[in-house]
Amino acid sequence: MDRKRIFKSHPFLPNRVPDTAIGHYLKTKRLELDLGVRELGRQINIDATYLSSLERNKHGYIPSNKTLRKLSGALNIEFDLLKELRKPLIKSRMEKYEED
């Protein structure tokens, strides 16, 4: 998906996405649907603790494509948008590993 189209269709996103954006976005969408973490976890067969860690951007938690697809379906979010929001998180984690 074209990055410009993503940002145009989602104007709340800044041009430079922080590595915390995906967690914040997932939590916002979950709350908009009035879903609890446990309820969402049951719906998509993912541990609630893991979901909570994703939302809080806990160090070391980078969602896989499989997880993003499940979240995309349950929260009615474009899969490509979630992949785009994940990129800064991956980059941030890689930079931290390179520092070690």
C-alpha atoms as a PDB file:
ATOM      1  CA  MET A   1       0.000   0.000   0.000  1.00  0.00           C
ATOM      2  CA  ASP A   2       1.186   3.482  -0.826  1.00  0.00           C
ATOM      3  CA  ARG A   3       2.446   5.274   2.299  1.00  0.00           C
ATOM      4  CA  LYS A   4       0.972   8.628   1.150  1.00  0.00           C
ATOM      5  CA  ARG A   5      -2.453   7.026   0.736  1.00  0.00           C
ATOM      6  CA  ILE A   6      -2.254   5.594   4.242  1.00  0.00           C
ATOM      7  CA  PHE A   7      -1.505   8.973   5.786  1.00  0.00           C
ATOM      8  CA  LYS A   8      -4.110  10.732   3.655  1.00  0.00           C
ATOM      9  CA  SER A   9      -6.818   8.247   4.665  1.00  0.00           C
ATOM     10  CA  HIS A  10      -5.757   8.449   8.315  1.00  0.00           C
ATOM     11  CA  PRO A  11      -5.104  12.167   8.959  1.00  0.00           C
ATOM     12  CA  PHE A  12      -4.463  11.681  12.679  1.00  0.00           C
ATOM     13  CA  LEU A  13      -1.183   9.961  11.804  1.00  0.00           C
ATOM     14  CA  PRO A  14       1.839  12.258  11.573  1.00  0.00           C
ATOM     15  CA  ASN A  15       4.097  12.060   8.526  1.00  0.00           C
ATOM     16  CA  ARG A  16       6.732  10.505  10.734  1.00  0.00           C
ATOM     17  CA  VAL A  17       5.248   7.607  12.632  1.00  0.00           C
ATOM     18  CA  PRO A  18       6.730   7.043  16.109  1.00  0.00           C
ATOM     19  CA  ASP A  19       7.553   3.489  17.115  1.00  0.00           C
ATOM     20  CA  THR A  20       4.725   3.633  19.665  1.00  0.00           C
ATOM     21  CA  ALA A  21       2.044   4.352  17.054  1.00  0.00           C
ATOM     22  CA  ILE A  22       0.933   0.783  16.444  1.00  0.00           C
ATOM     23  CA  GLY A  23       0.236   0.069  20.111  1.00  0.00           C
ATOM     24  CA  HIS A  24      -1.657   3.303  20.586  1.00  0.00           C
ATOM     25  CA  TYR A  25      -3.652   2.738  17.403  1.00  0.00           C
ATOM     26  CA  LEU A  26      -4.584  -0.838  18.330  1.00  0.00           C
ATOM     27  CA  LYS A  27      -5.777   0.218  21.762  1.00  0.00           C
ATOM     28  CA  THR A  28      -7.758   3.140  20.353  1.00  0.00           C
ATOM     29  CA  LYS A  29      -9.527   0.911  17.814  1.00  0.00           C
ATOM     30  CA  ARG A  30     -10.226  -1.763  20.436  1.00  0.00           C
ATOM     31  CA  LEU A  31     -11.770   0.793  22.779  1.00  0.00           C
ATOM     32  CA  GLU A  32     -13.833   2.303  19.948  1.00  0.00           C
ATOM     33  CA  LEU A  33     -15.380  -1.139  19.494  1.00  0.00           C
ATOM     34  CA  ASP A  34     -15.917  -1.394  23.256  1.00  0.00           C
ATOM     35  CA  LEU A  35     -13.816  -4.544  23.494  1.00  0.00           C
ATOM     36  CA  GLY A  36     -11.753  -5.591  26.472  1.00  0.00           C
ATOM     37  CA  VAL A  37      -8.283  -7.063  25.972  1.00  0.00           C
ATOM     38  CA  ARG A  38      -9.445 -10.485  27.142  1.00  0.00           C
ATOM     39  CA  GLU A  39     -12.503 -10.413  24.893  1.00  0.00           C
ATOM     40  CA  LEU A  40     -10.443  -9.472  21.846  1.00  0.00           C
ATOM     41  CA  GLY A  41      -7.897 -12.127  22.740  1.00  0.00           C
ATOM     42  CA  ARG A  42     -10.594 -14.791  22.875  1.00  0.00           C
ATOM     43  CA  GLN A  43     -12.049 -13.650  19.550  1.00  0.00           C
ATOM     44  CA  ILE A  44      -8.759 -13.966  17.684  1.00  0.00           C
ATOM     45  CA  ASN A  45      -7.138 -16.695  19.793  1.00  0.00           C
ATOM     46  CA  ILE A  46      -4.258 -14.566  21.070  1.00  0.00           C
ATOM     47  CA  ASP A  47      -3.192 -14.288  24.701  1.00  0.00           C
ATOM     48  CA  ALA A  48      -4.555 -11.155  26.405  1.00  0.00           C
ATOM     49  CA  THR A  49      -1.213 -10.515  28.109  1.00  0.00           C
ATOM     50  CA  TYR A  50       0.493 -10.463  24.721  1.00  0.00           C
ATOM     51  CA  LEU A  51      -2.135  -8.070  23.321  1.00  0.00           C
ATOM     52  CA  SER A  52      -1.690  -5.787  26.309  1.00  0.00           C
ATOM     53  CA  SER A  53       2.074  -5.831  25.766  1.00  0.00           C
ATOM     54  CA  LEU A  54       1.587  -4.861  22.123  1.00  0.00           C
ATOM     55  CA  GLU A  55      -0.663  -1.973  23.091  1.00  0.00           C
ATOM     56  CA  ARG A  56       1.852  -0.755  25.676  1.00  0.00           C
ATOM     57  CA  ASN A  57       4.729  -1.128  23.205  1.00  0.00           C
ATOM     58  CA  LYS A  58       6.549  -3.371  25.613  1.00  0.00           C
ATOM     59  CA  HIS A  59      10.150  -3.891  24.552  1.00  0.00           C
ATOM     60  CA  GLY A  60      10.708  -6.893  22.334  1.00  0.00           C
ATOM     61  CA  TYR A  61       7.123  -7.364  21.179  1.00  0.00           C
ATOM     62  CA  ILE A  62       6.806  -7.023  17.423  1.00  0.00           C
ATOM     63  CA  PRO A  63       3.590  -8.484  16.007  1.00  0.00           C
ATOM     64  CA  SER A  64       3.911 -11.011  13.192  1.00  0.00           C
ATOM     65  CA  ASN A  65       1.971 -10.765   9.937  1.00  0.00           C
ATOM     66  CA  LYS A  66      -0.293 -13.539  11.219  1.00  0.00           C
ATOM     67  CA  THR A  67      -1.097 -11.515  14.340  1.00  0.00           C
ATOM     68  CA  LEU A  68      -1.612  -8.345  12.301  1.00  0.00           C
ATOM     69  CA  ARG A  69      -4.058 -10.175  10.021  1.00  0.00           C
ATOM     70  CA  LYS A  70      -6.071 -11.365  13.020  1.00  0.00           C
ATOM     71  CA  LEU A  71      -6.119  -7.872  14.515  1.00  0.00           C
ATOM     72  CA  SER A  72      -6.983  -6.360  11.153  1.00  0.00           C
ATOM     73  CA  GLY A  73     -10.047  -8.545  10.824  1.00  0.00           C
ATOM     74  CA  ALA A  74     -11.261  -8.171  14.390  1.00  0.00           C
ATOM     75  CA  LEU A  75     -10.728  -4.403  14.608  1.00  0.00           C
ATOM     76  CA  ASN A  76     -11.698  -3.606  11.017  1.00  0.00           C
ATOM     77  CA  ILE A  77      -8.324  -2.068  10.167  1.00  0.00           C
ATOM     78  CA  GLU A  78      -6.526  -2.351   6.835  1.00  0.00           C
ATOM     79  CA  PHE A  79      -3.762  -4.946   7.084  1.00  0.00           C
ATOM     80  CA  ASP A  80      -1.403  -2.700   5.097  1.00  0.00           C
ATOM     81  CA  LEU A  81      -1.936   0.138   7.560  1.00  0.00           C
ATOM     82  CA  LEU A  82      -0.899  -2.111  10.444  1.00  0.00           C
ATOM     83  CA  LYS A  83       2.179  -3.245   8.521  1.00  0.00           C
ATOM     84  CA  GLU A  84       3.080   0.402   7.911  1.00  0.00           C
ATOM     85  CA  LEU A  85       2.617   1.257  11.589  1.00  0.00           C
ATOM     86  CA  ARG A  86       4.837  -1.688  12.541  1.00  0.00           C
ATOM     87  CA  LYS A  87       7.808  -0.494  10.453  1.00  0.00           C
ATOM     88  CA  PRO A  88       9.075   2.174  12.901  1.00  0.00           C
ATOM     89  CA  LEU A  89       8.841  -0.371  15.715  1.00  0.00           C
ATOM     90  CA  ILE A  90      10.994  -2.832  13.778  1.00  0.00           C
ATOM     91  CA  LYS A  91      13.480  -0.102  12.893  1.00  0.00           C
ATOM     92  CA  SER A  92      13.671   1.048  16.514  1.00  0.00           C
ATOM     93  CA  ARG A  93      14.290  -2.485  17.754  1.00  0.00           C
ATOM     94  CA  MET A  94      16.962  -3.100  15.123  1.00  0.00           C
ATOM     95  CA  GLU A  95      18.781   0.082  16.136  1.00  0.00           C
ATOM     96  CA  LYS A  96      18.791  -1.030  19.755  1.00  0.00           C
ATOM     97  CA  TYR A  97      20.256  -4.427  18.814  1.00  0.00           C
ATOM     98  CA  GLU A  98      22.954  -2.755  16.721  1.00  0.00           C
ATOM     99  CA  GLU A  99      23.994  -0.674  19.748  1.00  0.00           C
ATOM    100  CA  ASP A 100      24.754  -3.794  21.808  1.00  0.00           C
END
